[in-house]
Amino acid sequence: MEALRSAWGERAAEILDANNQHPPMVLRLDPALGSAEDFLRSLRAIGRNATPVDWNREAMVLDRPAPVQALPGFETGAVSVQDGGAQLAAPLLDAQPGMRVLDACAAPGGKTLHIAQRTAALAELIAVDDDPLRLARVRENLERAGRDAILVSADLRTRPPSLMPAQFDRVLVDAPCSATGVIRRHPDIKLLRRPGDIESFAATQRQILTTAFELLRPGGRLIYCTCSVMPVENEGVVSAFLDANPRAARAPWPEAVARPPGLLDRTVGWQLLPGGSAGTDGFYYACLTKLS
């Protein structure tokens, strides 16, 4: 609470209140596998309903939570469970056919699957995580939807020998963090986090971001994101990285991606607060490019 008040002042109260609310169950539809209208009809046929998200044509909010196996299209990947804030990662990355893409902290694989579904004709999609057991969940997510990626178990605080510098056109860094933006989904965070955790996460984030940028080709795009609302893990990490790396430059919010209501411009990047106008969890995003 003290850290939130120090970072957000008067807004800390609304963050704390949002963290105590029951989170919505948000779905992501794959437009290639069916329309929103078809999905809503299928839901009504089993006595359920959902509300489309006005700023994201792929998102629906269930009227009440349901087991995933009960969702029409879940077993084929036509429907996935993914918070609206998390659904921004793949559109911001904007992978195009023929590109080589790295999901640097991939588990459990929701964003990896979203990337694969948005752009089927990628030259290469590599998903990395340092936990082999969690990496298996990435495989399960991809197989459910009939998609594929190369899975690599590695700690990206340093570059593994299997990944070459300047290998990728797009890199997503969904960095390990304090998860202070998703407390409403994981209330045990209130009890488990310690004051020293934030700087420890920030140190890891700086290392991973440095490695990920080394793997990005000149002219490529890197998206850095967390589910934290702590500035030291977000704009603090990115600002320090930009200051230390003259080849790194910030990029604007892409015109093709709708800005969620309540999105906050930070000194670098953008912040969604939990339960705000967009109804999402708390997420931070920054978009970087590598100069020639």
Protein backbone atom coordinates (compact mmCIF):
# COMPACT_ATOMS: atom_id res chain seq x y z
CA MET A 1 0.00 0.00 0.00
CA GLU A 2 2.85 2.38 0.80
CA ALA A 3 4.51 1.64 -2.54
CA LEU A 4 1.27 2.26 -4.42
CA ARG A 5 0.67 5.55 -2.62
CA SER A 6 4.24 6.65 -3.33
CA ALA A 7 3.87 5.80 -7.03
CA TRP A 8 0.30 6.91 -7.69
CA GLY A 9 -0.71 9.41 -5.02
CA GLU A 10 -4.47 9.91 -4.97
CA ARG A 11 -4.97 7.22 -7.62
CA ALA A 12 -3.66 4.56 -5.24
CA ALA A 13 -7.09 4.33 -3.60
CA GLU A 14 -8.78 3.32 -6.86
CA ILE A 15 -6.04 0.74 -7.54
CA LEU A 16 -6.51 -0.76 -4.08
CA ASP A 17 -10.28 -0.81 -4.55
CA ALA A 18 -9.96 -2.48 -7.98
CA ASN A 19 -7.65 -5.12 -6.49
CA ASN A 20 -10.49 -6.15 -4.17
CA GLN A 21 -13.06 -6.58 -6.94
CA HIS A 22 -14.04 -9.85 -8.58
CA PRO A 23 -12.26 -10.02 -11.97
CA PRO A 24 -14.25 -10.55 -15.16
CA MET A 25 -13.74 -13.65 -17.32
CA VAL A 26 -12.60 -12.20 -20.64
CA LEU A 27 -12.39 -14.19 -23.86
CA ARG A 28 -10.45 -13.66 -27.06
CA LEU A 29 -12.00 -14.85 -30.30
CA ASP A 30 -10.00 -15.91 -33.33
CA PRO A 31 -11.81 -14.10 -36.19
CA ALA A 32 -10.41 -16.62 -38.69
CA LEU A 33 -12.38 -19.39 -36.96
CA GLY A 34 -15.74 -17.71 -36.53
CA SER A 35 -17.53 -14.40 -36.08
CA ALA A 36 -18.55 -12.78 -32.82
CA GLU A 37 -22.19 -13.21 -33.82
CA ASP A 38 -21.72 -16.97 -34.32
CA PHE A 39 -20.03 -17.29 -30.94
CA LEU A 40 -22.79 -15.36 -29.17
CA ARG A 41 -25.41 -17.60 -30.77
CA SER A 42 -23.51 -20.68 -29.60
CA LEU A 43 -23.31 -19.26 -26.09
CA ARG A 44 -27.02 -18.50 -25.94
CA ALA A 45 -27.74 -22.05 -27.06
CA ILE A 46 -26.17 -23.30 -23.80
CA GLY A 47 -27.87 -20.68 -21.66
CA ARG A 48 -24.99 -18.20 -21.40
CA ASN A 49 -24.22 -14.74 -22.70
CA ALA A 50 -21.32 -12.35 -23.18
CA THR A 51 -20.79 -8.67 -23.90
CA PRO A 52 -18.48 -7.53 -26.72
CA VAL A 53 -15.70 -5.13 -25.76
CA ASP A 54 -16.22 -1.93 -27.77
CA TRP A 55 -12.51 -1.08 -28.18
CA ASN A 56 -11.41 -4.63 -29.09
CA ARG A 57 -13.39 -6.54 -31.69
CA GLU A 58 -11.82 -9.85 -30.64
CA ALA A 59 -12.77 -9.57 -26.94
CA MET A 60 -15.89 -10.69 -25.06
CA VAL A 61 -16.72 -10.55 -21.35
CA LEU A 62 -18.76 -13.48 -20.06
CA ASP A 63 -21.82 -12.58 -18.04
CA ARG A 64 -20.66 -15.16 -15.46
CA PRO A 65 -17.55 -17.35 -15.33
CA ALA A 66 -17.69 -20.80 -16.89
CA PRO A 67 -15.40 -23.84 -17.13
CA VAL A 68 -13.29 -23.44 -20.25
CA GLN A 69 -14.42 -26.83 -21.55
CA ALA A 70 -17.98 -25.48 -21.65
CA LEU A 71 -17.05 -22.64 -24.01
CA PRO A 72 -18.01 -23.25 -27.66
CA GLY A 73 -14.84 -23.36 -29.74
CA PHE A 74 -12.37 -23.59 -26.86
CA GLU A 75 -11.09 -27.05 -27.80
CA THR A 76 -10.27 -25.89 -31.34
CA GLY A 77 -8.64 -22.59 -30.34
CA ALA A 78 -11.47 -20.47 -31.71
CA VAL A 79 -11.89 -19.08 -28.18
CA SER A 80 -9.23 -18.45 -25.53
CA VAL A 81 -9.36 -16.98 -22.05
CA GLN A 82 -7.23 -13.82 -21.96
CA ASP A 83 -7.65 -10.49 -20.19
CA GLY A 84 -8.26 -7.52 -22.48
CA GLY A 85 -5.02 -5.88 -21.35
CA ALA A 86 -3.02 -8.96 -22.27
CA GLN A 87 -4.71 -9.03 -25.68
CA LEU A 88 -2.86 -5.83 -26.64
CA ALA A 89 0.55 -7.52 -26.85
CA ALA A 90 0.14 -9.23 -30.23
CA PRO A 91 -1.45 -6.23 -32.03
CA LEU A 92 1.26 -3.92 -30.70
CA LEU A 93 3.93 -6.36 -31.85
CA ASP A 94 2.37 -6.33 -35.34
CA ALA A 95 4.19 -9.40 -36.71
CA GLN A 96 3.91 -9.65 -40.50
CA PRO A 97 4.11 -12.69 -42.81
CA GLY A 98 7.66 -13.85 -43.38
CA MET A 99 9.00 -12.35 -40.16
CA ARG A 100 11.02 -14.08 -37.46
CA VAL A 101 9.40 -13.56 -34.06
CA LEU A 102 10.60 -14.22 -30.51
CA ASP A 103 8.30 -14.48 -27.49
CA ALA A 104 10.99 -14.06 -24.86
CA CYS A 105 9.07 -14.98 -21.67
CA ALA A 106 6.37 -17.13 -23.17
CA ALA A 107 4.73 -19.32 -20.51
CA PRO A 108 1.88 -20.13 -20.22
CA GLY A 109 1.53 -19.29 -23.91
CA GLY A 110 -1.54 -17.13 -24.32
CA LYS A 111 0.38 -14.39 -26.10
CA THR A 112 2.38 -16.91 -28.15
CA LEU A 113 -0.87 -18.39 -29.44
CA HIS A 114 -2.28 -14.94 -30.18
CA ILE A 115 0.81 -14.09 -32.25
CA ALA A 116 0.53 -17.38 -34.16
CA GLN A 117 -3.18 -16.90 -34.83
CA ARG A 118 -2.83 -13.30 -36.00
CA THR A 119 -0.05 -14.09 -38.50
CA ALA A 120 -0.07 -17.64 -39.79
CA ALA A 121 2.71 -17.22 -42.38
CA LEU A 122 5.58 -16.35 -40.04
CA ALA A 123 9.02 -17.52 -41.12
CA GLU A 124 9.74 -18.51 -37.52
CA LEU A 125 8.12 -18.24 -34.10
CA ILE A 126 10.28 -19.11 -31.12
CA ALA A 127 8.87 -19.23 -27.59
CA VAL A 128 11.38 -19.12 -24.72
CA ASP A 129 10.88 -19.70 -21.01
CA ASP A 130 13.27 -20.67 -18.24
CA ASP A 131 10.81 -23.16 -16.67
CA PRO A 132 10.46 -26.43 -18.64
CA LEU A 133 7.22 -27.35 -16.86
CA ARG A 134 5.61 -24.02 -17.72
CA LEU A 135 6.98 -24.31 -21.26
CA ALA A 136 4.90 -27.48 -21.61
CA ARG A 137 1.80 -25.31 -21.11
CA VAL A 138 2.87 -23.23 -24.10
CA ARG A 139 2.89 -26.41 -26.18
CA GLU A 140 -0.57 -27.36 -24.88
CA ASN A 141 -1.97 -23.94 -25.81
CA LEU A 142 -0.53 -24.13 -29.32
CA GLU A 143 -1.66 -27.72 -29.92
CA ARG A 144 -5.20 -26.91 -28.81
CA ALA A 145 -5.43 -24.45 -31.70
CA GLY A 146 -3.42 -26.48 -34.21
CA ARG A 147 -0.53 -24.00 -34.18
CA ASP A 148 3.18 -24.52 -33.81
CA ALA A 149 6.31 -22.78 -32.54
CA ILE A 150 9.85 -23.72 -31.64
CA LEU A 151 10.07 -24.03 -27.86
CA VAL A 152 13.35 -23.20 -26.14
CA SER A 153 14.05 -23.63 -22.44
CA ALA A 154 16.53 -20.88 -21.56
CA ASP A 155 17.22 -18.07 -19.10
CA LEU A 156 17.33 -14.89 -21.17
CA ARG A 157 19.23 -12.89 -18.60
CA THR A 158 22.09 -13.84 -20.93
CA ARG A 159 21.95 -14.85 -24.59
CA PRO A 160 21.75 -18.64 -25.09
CA PRO A 161 24.03 -20.07 -27.82
CA SER A 162 21.01 -21.26 -29.83
CA LEU A 163 19.84 -17.67 -30.47
CA MET A 164 21.86 -15.37 -32.68
CA PRO A 165 22.21 -11.58 -32.39
CA ALA A 166 19.91 -9.60 -34.71
CA GLN A 167 17.96 -12.78 -35.54
CA PHE A 168 14.41 -11.49 -35.04
CA ASP A 169 12.17 -8.90 -36.71
CA ARG A 170 9.87 -8.78 -33.69
CA VAL A 171 10.52 -9.51 -30.01
CA LEU A 172 7.96 -9.64 -27.22
CA VAL A 173 9.30 -9.30 -23.67
CA ASP A 174 6.47 -10.07 -21.26
CA ALA A 175 8.86 -9.70 -18.34
CA PRO A 176 8.56 -11.50 -14.99
CA CYS A 177 7.28 -8.93 -12.51
CA SER A 178 5.60 -8.27 -9.18
CA ALA A 179 2.17 -8.93 -10.78
CA THR A 180 0.74 -5.99 -8.85
CA GLY A 181 -1.65 -5.35 -11.74
CA VAL A 182 -3.39 -8.72 -11.35
CA ILE A 183 -3.95 -8.88 -7.59
CA ARG A 184 -7.70 -9.20 -8.15
CA ARG A 185 -6.95 -12.54 -9.87
CA HIS A 186 -4.20 -13.59 -7.44
CA PRO A 187 -5.00 -12.02 -4.04
CA ASP A 188 -2.25 -14.06 -2.38
CA ILE A 189 0.18 -11.53 -3.90
CA LYS A 190 -0.84 -9.21 -1.05
CA LEU A 191 0.69 -11.64 1.42
CA LEU A 192 3.59 -13.03 -0.61
CA ARG A 193 5.29 -9.85 -1.90
CA ARG A 194 8.08 -8.26 0.13
CA PRO A 195 9.54 -4.73 -0.21
CA GLY A 196 12.77 -6.01 -1.73
CA ASP A 197 10.95 -7.95 -4.46
CA ILE A 198 10.36 -4.93 -6.70
CA GLU A 199 13.99 -4.01 -7.20
CA SER A 200 14.87 -7.69 -7.61
CA PHE A 201 12.35 -7.98 -10.43
CA ALA A 202 13.62 -4.75 -11.97
CA ALA A 203 17.16 -6.08 -12.05
CA THR A 204 15.99 -9.23 -13.86
CA GLN A 205 13.89 -7.16 -16.24
CA ARG A 206 16.87 -5.01 -17.18
CA GLN A 207 18.94 -8.10 -17.95
CA ILE A 208 16.22 -9.73 -20.07
CA LEU A 209 15.52 -6.50 -21.96
CA THR A 210 19.23 -6.12 -22.76
CA THR A 211 19.41 -9.67 -24.13
CA ALA A 212 16.17 -9.33 -26.06
CA PHE A 213 17.35 -6.12 -27.71
CA GLU A 214 20.57 -7.83 -28.77
CA LEU A 215 18.43 -10.43 -30.55
CA LEU A 216 16.41 -7.77 -32.42
CA ARG A 217 17.51 -6.84 -35.92
CA PRO A 218 18.00 -3.17 -36.92
CA GLY A 219 14.64 -1.67 -37.84
CA GLY A 220 12.80 -4.31 -35.82
CA ARG A 221 10.22 -3.77 -33.10
CA LEU A 222 10.40 -4.83 -29.46
CA ILE A 223 7.41 -4.74 -27.12
CA TYR A 224 8.20 -4.65 -23.41
CA CYS A 225 5.29 -5.33 -21.10
CA THR A 226 4.47 -6.31 -17.53
CA CYS A 227 1.37 -6.93 -15.45
CA SER A 228 2.75 -4.52 -12.84
CA VAL A 229 1.66 -1.04 -11.82
CA MET A 230 4.99 -0.22 -10.18
CA PRO A 231 6.87 2.43 -12.20
CA VAL A 232 10.28 1.08 -11.19
CA GLU A 233 9.47 -2.12 -13.12
CA ASN A 234 7.97 -0.28 -16.06
CA GLU A 235 9.03 3.15 -17.29
CA GLY A 236 11.94 3.00 -14.84
CA VAL A 237 13.40 -0.06 -16.57
CA VAL A 238 12.73 1.23 -20.09
CA SER A 239 13.99 4.76 -19.45
CA ALA A 240 17.27 3.47 -18.00
CA PHE A 241 17.65 1.12 -20.95
CA LEU A 242 17.10 3.92 -23.47
CA ASP A 243 19.63 6.13 -21.68
CA ALA A 244 22.23 3.36 -21.81
CA ASN A 245 21.61 2.22 -25.39
CA PRO A 246 21.99 4.85 -28.15
CA ARG A 247 20.68 2.38 -30.78
CA ALA A 248 17.39 2.01 -28.92
CA ALA A 249 14.54 4.41 -29.65
CA ARG A 250 10.99 4.65 -28.41
CA ALA A 251 8.20 4.15 -30.95
CA PRO A 252 4.67 5.63 -30.83
CA TRP A 253 1.45 3.77 -30.18
CA PRO A 254 0.54 2.24 -33.58
CA GLU A 255 -2.33 3.99 -35.33
CA ALA A 256 -3.85 0.63 -36.32
CA VAL A 257 -4.31 -0.41 -32.67
CA ALA A 258 -7.23 1.15 -30.80
CA ARG A 259 -6.22 2.84 -27.56
CA PRO A 260 -8.20 1.42 -24.64
CA PRO A 261 -10.15 3.98 -22.61
CA GLY A 262 -8.19 5.12 -19.60
CA LEU A 263 -4.78 4.31 -21.11
CA LEU A 264 -2.22 6.54 -19.37
CA ASP A 265 0.77 8.04 -21.16
CA ARG A 266 3.90 7.66 -19.03
CA THR A 267 7.33 9.22 -19.47
CA VAL A 268 8.03 6.15 -21.62
CA GLY A 269 5.25 3.77 -22.63
CA TRP A 270 1.67 3.40 -21.47
CA GLN A 271 -0.09 2.10 -18.36
CA LEU A 272 -3.49 0.49 -17.82
CA LEU A 273 -4.64 0.45 -14.22
CA PRO A 274 -6.66 -2.51 -12.93
CA GLY A 275 -10.41 -2.14 -13.24
CA GLY A 276 -10.14 1.25 -14.93
CA SER A 277 -12.23 2.59 -17.81
CA ALA A 278 -11.16 -0.33 -20.04
CA GLY A 279 -12.05 -2.90 -17.38
CA THR A 280 -8.72 -4.69 -17.80
CA ASP A 281 -6.09 -5.89 -15.39
CA GLY A 282 -3.12 -3.60 -14.79
CA PHE A 283 -0.67 -3.71 -17.70
CA TYR A 284 2.28 -1.64 -18.85
CA TYR A 285 3.50 -1.50 -22.48
CA ALA A 286 6.45 0.16 -24.19
CA CYS A 287 7.34 -0.03 -27.87
CA LEU A 288 11.01 0.16 -28.88
CA THR A 289 12.87 -0.06 -32.16
CA LYS A 290 16.53 -0.63 -33.01
CA LEU A 291 18.29 2.01 -35.07
CA SER A 292 20.72 0.99 -37.84
